[in-house]
Each structure stands twice: as C-alpha cells, then as structure tokens.
Amino acid sequence: MRIVLRPIVEVGILALLCLVALVWSEALKAEPRQLPPVLTQSGEPAPTGLVSRERVTLGGVEQTILIRGAEESLPVLLFFHGGPGGSVMPWVDLFQTSLLEENFMVVHWDQRGTGASFSKALTTDDISPERLVADTLELAELLRERFAQERIFLVGQSWGSALGFMTIAEDSSPFHAFVAASERVDWVKCLNMGYDWALEQARASGDADLLQELEAIAPFDAFDEADLLVQRAALDHYRAGDYHTPGLWDQYLSYAVEGQSPYYSMEEIQSHIQDLELSSAAIEQAELLKTYNLFETLPSVDIPVHFVTGAEDWNAPAALAREYYDFLDAPQKSFTVI
C-alpha cells in the first residue's frame, strides 16, 4: 500500500512547476549558469573558495552534488535533503550563510532519483532505504578521500534525518557526528501527535468547519491518504507545517519558477514533478514506514548526535524528538529548539 505524506504546499509546486516551460525562455534550457562565489562574512569573495557542481557515480547510478566552502582544508559537512525527493539544491543561496561556508566544505547531494540526480531510466526498484544508505556510505568515502579527512560531519533534515539515522546504524565510522533536524523518531506516533494537536487548536479557536473535518476522520489513520490530507491542511492552517514564516513559501516558489537559481537548469526544475512522484512511490510505503521507530531499532549510537527541532513544527513534534533524545545512549548529545 502506498501512502502520500507529501505536504499540501508541495501539491502547489507540482502544479506551478508545470507552468515553468511556458514562462521561461528557451535559453534557460541550458546547463545552470555560472555559480556564485563563496563570500566572506564581510561580503568579499573568499580567495581560496571552492564552488563546484559535480556528477558522481554511486551504486552504479550517476548523481549530482554541490560543494561550497571557503577552502578545501575545512571539515566536510554532508547535508541530506528531506522529502523523499525534496532537493534543496536550487535554494542554497537563500539559506546557506557565509559563516557556515567559512567553517565547512558544505556538500549538498541530490539523492538518486531526485532533482539533478533524476533519470527516466530509474524505477521504484532502484530506490529504497537500503540503496540510499549504500549510496551515502560510498559518497562519504569519496569525500573523505578527496579532501583527505578521516571523518566528515553528517546533517539530515526531515526525511534526510531518517536516512542519517539509518546510515549511522549501518556504519558510523565515516562520521564525526550526526546532526538530526526535524526528526520524526516514530513515524506513526509523530503523525498521530500532529493530528491530536490540530484537533486541540480547532476546538480552542472555535474553527467550526476545520473542527468538523478533523472530527469526521476520527479515529485518525496515519496511513490513510484522505486522513493525511486533512491533517496536513490543518497543520498548514495553524502554521505548524513545513512553512511557519509568512511569505516564505511564496519567496521560495517564485525563486524557482522565475529561474533565479544558478544551480538548476530548466530541465531539472521541470523534472521535479517526476522525481517527487518517483521518490514518493518508492519510499512512502506503509509497510516500510510502520517499522520506522527509533525507540525500538536504535537505542544507542557510538558517535555524537545533535538534535535541532522547531518549536512550532508539528510535522515533526519537538516533544517526541526530546523523548528520544532523553532515551538515546550516545557518547555526546545535545538538543536545540528554534
């Protein structure tokens, strides 16, 4: 059984990106434009900065990485996007700071089947948690060799956080530490907590129509597509979903649709529609997600783990992440709420 966990806002991007071909000129079908340089915090180009978009072969599949950092001797930080299929590479310049690039060689990776790593030759059989974990370990080895580092840092956001935990459970030896942002911990419990919170908000605020919709799906089924659509719409209504800051979604959407990103070609932006569907079909399976419970599968790790979670995020509730943080046995750990 396939379920759809994709947020409501991504439904909008699927429709709007379909218009890209009508809006952009033929010239934008070329490869991404010249990449912007790494800047110091004072706004000057870093003299030894490295900016490179590259193709690498992982598990026999060509994939794309983006590297940005002030100098090649810096520690490597490998970032996992969410989703699945939710590349952030087109928007790097909107959130990645000079402070980060002055302290790390930051590597963004479009996972197989995603964004700049999408291929029409790939099928759902080519994409699985096991294959992505194997790709991760192979990429980590490539980066360790290239930058002559014994270990690198690993950061994962949302789905990427889940992939990070699956990776260090398999082999933590390539990594200094893991930073888990917006971690769901227990997939079923997480979704149920989001529903319960939205129901409380509807009752407290007197939103009769929304309350009726939420009560109509009780008892909430975390693996029912219709129930999930109602739950996600309610979380978005109360600004507790993917976009809490007013206007942020519009900013990111227009940035992509208007072709402002130097990291993606028009063809890659258009393929976002297909890669979201491919990754969703491959990963978002009830049989798989029902088993994602870190309390049961990962009670301890042998490297430091640092949690970052949003105080207003009920897609990945901070309370549940905190419960796992307290439970987890790790040589070093921290918990940050923003």
Protein backbone atom coordinates (compact mmCIF):
# COMPACT_ATOMS: atom_id res chain seq x y z
CA MET A 1 0.00 0.00 0.00
CA ARG A 2 1.36 3.41 -0.98
CA ILE A 3 0.55 6.43 1.13
CA VAL A 4 1.03 10.10 0.36
CA LEU A 5 2.79 12.01 3.13
CA ARG A 6 3.73 14.96 0.95
CA PRO A 7 2.74 18.32 2.43
CA ILE A 8 -0.06 20.36 0.89
CA VAL A 9 2.40 23.05 -0.21
CA GLU A 10 4.17 20.56 -2.46
CA VAL A 11 0.92 19.87 -4.27
CA GLY A 12 1.06 23.52 -5.25
CA ILE A 13 4.60 23.28 -6.53
CA LEU A 14 3.68 20.34 -8.73
CA ALA A 15 1.02 22.39 -10.46
CA LEU A 16 3.00 25.60 -10.69
CA LEU A 17 6.18 24.00 -11.95
CA CYS A 18 4.13 22.67 -14.86
CA LEU A 19 3.92 26.31 -15.98
CA VAL A 20 7.69 26.80 -16.00
CA ALA A 21 8.07 25.71 -19.60
CA LEU A 22 5.57 28.39 -20.62
CA VAL A 23 7.23 31.11 -18.59
CA TRP A 24 10.94 30.64 -19.14
CA SER A 25 12.77 31.34 -22.37
CA GLU A 26 14.44 28.69 -24.49
CA ALA A 27 17.80 29.95 -23.28
CA LEU A 28 17.12 28.60 -19.81
CA LYS A 29 17.20 25.05 -21.16
CA ALA A 30 20.97 25.26 -20.96
CA GLU A 31 23.01 23.99 -18.04
CA PRO A 32 22.89 26.04 -14.81
CA ARG A 33 24.51 29.45 -15.04
CA GLN A 34 27.86 30.45 -13.57
CA LEU A 35 27.89 29.55 -9.90
CA PRO A 36 28.16 32.39 -7.37
CA PRO A 37 31.43 32.52 -5.41
CA VAL A 38 31.85 31.82 -1.73
CA LEU A 39 31.77 35.11 0.15
CA THR A 40 33.37 36.02 3.44
CA GLN A 41 31.20 37.47 6.19
CA SER A 42 32.36 40.92 5.06
CA GLY A 43 30.94 40.23 1.60
CA GLU A 44 34.22 39.74 -0.24
CA PRO A 45 34.91 36.65 -2.41
CA ALA A 46 36.87 34.04 -0.46
CA PRO A 47 40.29 33.90 -2.21
CA THR A 48 40.56 30.12 -1.90
CA GLY A 49 36.85 29.37 -2.13
CA LEU A 50 35.57 26.27 -3.91
CA VAL A 51 32.21 26.14 -5.66
CA SER A 52 31.56 23.10 -7.80
CA ARG A 53 28.54 21.19 -9.11
CA GLU A 54 29.66 17.68 -9.99
CA ARG A 55 28.46 14.29 -11.14
CA VAL A 56 29.45 11.24 -9.11
CA THR A 57 28.58 7.59 -9.58
CA LEU A 58 27.10 5.90 -6.52
CA GLY A 59 25.85 2.35 -6.66
CA GLY A 60 26.22 2.43 -10.43
CA VAL A 61 23.89 5.45 -10.76
CA GLU A 62 25.09 8.93 -11.77
CA GLN A 63 24.11 11.54 -9.18
CA THR A 64 24.77 15.23 -8.52
CA ILE A 65 26.49 17.02 -5.66
CA LEU A 66 27.11 20.71 -4.99
CA ILE A 67 30.19 21.74 -3.00
CA ARG A 68 30.64 25.17 -1.42
CA GLY A 69 33.32 26.23 1.06
CA ALA A 70 35.97 28.86 1.73
CA GLU A 71 38.91 26.46 1.44
CA GLU A 72 39.44 22.77 0.80
CA SER A 73 41.14 22.08 4.14
CA LEU A 74 37.93 22.80 6.07
CA PRO A 75 35.93 19.94 7.65
CA VAL A 76 33.41 18.40 5.25
CA LEU A 77 29.71 18.65 6.09
CA LEU A 78 27.42 16.39 4.04
CA PHE A 79 23.78 17.55 4.02
CA PHE A 80 20.78 15.27 3.39
CA HIS A 81 17.64 16.87 1.98
CA GLY A 82 14.16 15.87 3.07
CA GLY A 83 11.22 14.60 1.09
CA PRO A 84 11.84 11.97 -0.03
CA GLY A 85 12.61 13.71 -3.29
CA GLY A 86 12.79 17.16 -1.67
CA SER A 87 16.02 18.60 -3.02
CA VAL A 88 17.10 21.94 -1.56
CA MET A 89 19.95 22.50 -4.00
CA PRO A 90 18.10 25.13 -6.09
CA TRP A 91 17.58 27.27 -2.96
CA VAL A 92 21.04 27.05 -1.37
CA ASP A 93 21.70 30.77 -1.75
CA LEU A 94 18.52 31.58 0.19
CA PHE A 95 19.55 29.85 3.41
CA GLN A 96 23.23 28.89 3.43
CA THR A 97 25.33 31.51 5.21
CA SER A 98 28.89 32.78 4.81
CA LEU A 99 29.53 31.75 8.40
CA LEU A 100 28.79 28.13 7.52
CA GLU A 101 30.92 28.22 4.36
CA GLU A 102 33.85 29.79 6.21
CA ASN A 103 33.89 26.86 8.61
CA PHE A 104 32.89 23.87 6.46
CA MET A 105 33.08 22.46 2.98
CA VAL A 106 29.32 22.03 2.61
CA VAL A 107 28.20 19.25 0.28
CA HIS A 108 24.59 19.05 -0.91
CA TRP A 109 23.60 15.77 -2.53
CA ASP A 110 20.53 15.16 -4.68
CA GLN A 111 19.75 11.57 -3.72
CA ARG A 112 19.20 9.06 -6.53
CA GLY A 113 16.04 9.86 -8.45
CA THR A 114 15.84 13.41 -7.03
CA GLY A 115 16.28 16.75 -8.79
CA ALA A 116 19.60 16.90 -10.60
CA SER A 117 20.01 13.15 -9.93
CA PHE A 118 16.73 12.27 -11.64
CA SER A 119 16.79 9.87 -14.58
CA LYS A 120 13.89 8.49 -16.56
CA ALA A 121 15.74 5.18 -16.55
CA LEU A 122 15.23 4.82 -12.79
CA THR A 123 12.27 2.91 -11.38
CA THR A 124 10.96 2.40 -7.87
CA ASP A 125 13.01 -0.80 -7.75
CA ASP A 126 16.15 1.35 -7.97
CA ILE A 127 15.23 3.47 -4.93
CA SER A 128 15.00 2.07 -1.42
CA PRO A 129 16.34 2.96 2.04
CA GLU A 130 18.95 0.23 1.67
CA ARG A 131 20.22 1.60 -1.64
CA LEU A 132 20.27 5.16 -0.30
CA VAL A 133 22.25 4.08 2.75
CA ALA A 134 24.75 2.33 0.48
CA ASP A 135 24.97 5.48 -1.70
CA THR A 136 25.58 7.56 1.42
CA LEU A 137 28.47 5.42 2.60
CA GLU A 138 30.00 5.40 -0.87
CA LEU A 139 29.70 9.18 -1.14
CA ALA A 140 31.20 9.63 2.33
CA GLU A 141 34.19 7.55 1.25
CA LEU A 142 34.63 9.63 -1.91
CA LEU A 143 34.57 12.85 0.11
CA ARG A 144 36.97 11.51 2.73
CA GLU A 145 39.46 10.56 0.05
CA ARG A 146 39.08 13.76 -1.96
CA PHE A 147 39.53 16.10 1.00
CA ALA A 148 41.97 13.85 2.89
CA GLN A 149 39.81 13.62 6.01
CA GLU A 150 39.43 10.63 8.28
CA ARG A 151 35.83 11.53 9.12
CA ILE A 152 33.19 14.00 7.95
CA PHE A 153 30.10 15.60 9.52
CA LEU A 154 26.60 14.47 8.59
CA VAL A 155 23.43 16.60 8.72
CA GLY A 156 19.93 15.41 7.79
CA GLN A 157 16.62 17.27 7.65
CA SER A 158 13.22 15.55 7.95
CA TRP A 159 13.39 12.51 5.63
CA GLY A 160 17.13 13.19 5.42
CA SER A 161 17.31 12.87 9.20
CA ALA A 162 15.71 9.43 8.97
CA LEU A 163 18.22 8.46 6.28
CA GLY A 164 21.01 9.71 8.52
CA PHE A 165 19.94 7.53 11.43
CA MET A 166 19.61 4.52 9.12
CA THR A 167 23.12 5.23 7.83
CA ILE A 168 24.87 5.52 11.19
CA ALA A 169 23.03 2.40 12.33
CA GLU A 170 24.66 0.61 9.40
CA ASP A 171 28.13 2.19 9.72
CA SER A 172 29.03 5.27 11.75
CA SER A 173 32.80 5.03 11.20
CA PRO A 174 32.99 7.67 8.40
CA PHE A 175 31.41 10.37 10.57
CA HIS A 176 32.49 12.74 13.33
CA ALA A 177 28.91 13.38 14.41
CA PHE A 178 25.34 13.48 13.12
CA VAL A 179 23.00 16.49 13.31
CA ALA A 180 19.33 15.47 13.07
CA ALA A 181 16.93 18.29 12.14
CA SER A 182 13.13 17.82 12.20
CA GLU A 183 13.45 14.17 13.19
CA ARG A 184 10.21 12.17 13.35
CA VAL A 185 11.57 9.37 15.57
CA ASP A 186 8.43 7.20 15.43
CA TRP A 187 6.57 7.72 12.14
CA VAL A 188 3.11 6.62 13.30
CA LYS A 189 3.23 8.34 16.69
CA CYS A 190 4.53 11.52 15.06
CA LEU A 191 1.57 11.76 12.67
CA ASN A 192 -0.91 10.98 15.44
CA MET A 193 0.57 13.73 17.61
CA GLY A 194 0.18 16.20 14.76
CA TYR A 195 -3.48 15.25 14.35
CA ASP A 196 -4.22 15.50 18.08
CA TRP A 197 -2.57 18.92 18.27
CA ALA A 198 -4.52 20.24 15.27
CA LEU A 199 -7.75 18.96 16.81
CA GLU A 200 -6.97 20.79 20.05
CA GLN A 201 -6.26 24.01 18.15
CA ALA A 202 -9.53 23.79 16.20
CA ARG A 203 -11.52 23.29 19.40
CA ALA A 204 -9.72 26.08 21.26
CA SER A 205 -10.04 28.60 18.43
CA GLY A 206 -13.64 27.76 17.53
CA ASP A 207 -12.86 26.88 13.90
CA ALA A 208 -16.11 25.02 13.33
CA ASP A 209 -15.52 23.99 9.73
CA LEU A 210 -12.00 22.71 10.34
CA LEU A 211 -13.08 21.01 13.56
CA GLN A 212 -15.83 19.22 11.65
CA GLU A 213 -13.33 17.99 9.06
CA LEU A 214 -10.91 16.73 11.72
CA GLU A 215 -13.63 15.03 13.77
CA ALA A 216 -15.00 13.39 10.63
CA ILE A 217 -11.79 11.37 10.19
CA ALA A 218 -11.63 10.17 13.80
CA PRO A 219 -10.10 7.81 14.65
CA PHE A 220 -7.21 9.22 12.62
CA ASP A 221 -5.38 6.68 10.45
CA ALA A 222 -1.77 7.69 9.82
CA PHE A 223 -1.72 5.59 6.66
CA ASP A 224 -4.95 6.74 5.05
CA GLU A 225 -4.38 9.25 2.24
CA ALA A 226 -7.62 11.16 2.86
CA ASP A 227 -6.93 11.45 6.60
CA LEU A 228 -3.42 12.71 5.93
CA LEU A 229 -4.65 15.40 3.57
CA VAL A 230 -6.99 16.75 6.25
CA GLN A 231 -4.30 16.57 8.94
CA ARG A 232 -1.71 18.35 6.77
CA ALA A 233 -4.17 21.06 5.74
CA ALA A 234 -4.96 21.71 9.40
CA LEU A 235 -1.28 21.94 10.34
CA ASP A 236 -0.67 24.37 7.50
CA HIS A 237 -3.69 26.44 8.60
CA TYR A 238 -2.15 26.84 12.06
CA ARG A 239 1.32 27.48 10.61
CA ALA A 240 2.65 24.30 12.19
CA GLY A 241 3.57 22.51 8.97
CA ASP A 242 6.51 22.97 6.63
CA TYR A 243 6.32 26.76 6.41
CA HIS A 244 5.78 28.67 9.64
CA THR A 245 7.13 32.06 8.47
CA PRO A 246 4.56 34.09 6.49
CA GLY A 247 5.64 34.68 2.91
CA LEU A 248 8.48 32.15 2.96
CA TRP A 249 6.68 29.67 0.73
CA ASP A 250 5.91 32.36 -1.85
CA GLN A 251 9.53 33.51 -1.82
CA TYR A 252 10.89 30.02 -2.44
CA LEU A 253 8.29 29.21 -5.06
CA SER A 254 8.85 32.37 -7.11
CA TYR A 255 12.61 31.90 -6.88
CA ALA A 256 12.27 28.52 -8.60
CA VAL A 257 9.55 29.41 -11.09
CA GLU A 258 11.28 32.59 -12.22
CA GLY A 259 14.53 30.76 -12.89
CA GLN A 260 16.62 32.64 -10.33
CA SER A 261 18.57 29.63 -9.08
CA PRO A 262 22.04 29.26 -10.63
CA TYR A 263 22.24 25.61 -9.61
CA TYR A 264 19.46 24.06 -11.71
CA SER A 265 18.67 24.09 -15.40
CA MET A 266 15.13 24.42 -16.69
CA GLU A 267 15.05 20.72 -17.46
CA GLU A 268 15.98 19.88 -13.87
CA ILE A 269 13.33 22.19 -12.45
CA GLN A 270 10.72 20.55 -14.68
CA SER A 271 11.82 17.06 -13.64
CA HIS A 272 10.98 17.95 -10.04
CA ILE A 273 7.42 16.87 -10.77
CA GLN A 274 8.51 13.42 -11.86
CA ASP A 275 11.15 12.90 -9.19
CA LEU A 276 8.76 13.76 -6.35
CA GLU A 277 6.37 11.14 -7.64
CA LEU A 278 9.12 8.56 -8.15
CA SER A 279 10.64 9.03 -4.69
CA SER A 280 7.23 9.06 -3.04
CA ALA A 281 6.19 5.83 -4.74
CA ALA A 282 9.47 4.17 -3.78
CA ILE A 283 9.81 5.25 -0.14
CA GLU A 284 6.41 6.26 1.21
CA GLN A 285 5.10 2.76 1.69
CA ALA A 286 3.02 1.93 4.76
CA GLU A 287 4.81 -1.38 5.18
CA LEU A 288 8.13 0.46 5.40
CA LEU A 289 7.12 3.47 7.48
CA LYS A 290 5.24 1.43 10.08
CA THR A 291 8.59 -0.05 11.09
CA TYR A 292 10.34 3.32 11.49
CA ASN A 293 10.57 3.59 15.27
CA LEU A 294 13.97 4.60 16.62
CA PHE A 295 12.97 3.68 20.18
CA GLU A 296 12.89 0.05 19.01
CA THR A 297 15.59 -0.02 16.32
CA LEU A 298 18.27 2.38 17.56
CA PRO A 299 18.54 2.69 21.37
CA SER A 300 22.24 3.61 21.20
CA VAL A 301 24.85 5.05 18.83
CA ASP A 302 28.63 5.33 19.05
CA ILE A 303 29.08 8.88 17.69
CA PRO A 304 27.77 12.24 18.94
CA VAL A 305 24.22 13.12 17.87
CA HIS A 306 22.78 16.64 17.98
CA PHE A 307 19.07 17.35 17.54
CA VAL A 308 17.64 20.57 16.08
CA THR A 309 13.88 20.95 16.08
CA GLY A 310 11.29 23.66 15.53
CA ALA A 311 9.19 24.81 18.47
CA GLU A 312 6.20 25.31 16.16
CA ASP A 313 6.75 22.23 13.99
CA TRP A 314 4.02 19.61 14.37
CA ASN A 315 5.05 17.61 11.31
CA ALA A 316 7.96 16.53 13.49
CA PRO A 317 6.94 17.42 17.07
CA ALA A 318 9.72 18.67 19.34
CA ALA A 319 8.26 16.77 22.29
CA LEU A 320 8.71 13.43 20.54
CA ALA A 321 12.24 14.28 19.44
CA ARG A 322 13.04 15.29 23.02
CA GLU A 323 11.68 12.00 24.33
CA TYR A 324 14.03 10.12 22.01
CA TYR A 325 16.93 12.41 22.88
CA ASP A 326 16.47 11.53 26.56
CA PHE A 327 16.20 7.84 25.67
CA LEU A 328 19.18 7.64 23.28
CA ASP A 329 22.52 6.41 24.59
CA ALA A 330 25.27 8.38 22.81
CA PRO A 331 28.82 9.47 23.73
CA GLN A 332 27.71 13.08 23.38
CA LYS A 333 24.37 14.64 22.51
CA SER A 334 22.56 17.97 22.52
CA PHE A 335 19.04 19.23 21.90
CA THR A 336 18.27 22.64 20.37
CA VAL A 337 14.80 24.12 19.86
CA ILE A 338 14.46 27.04 17.46
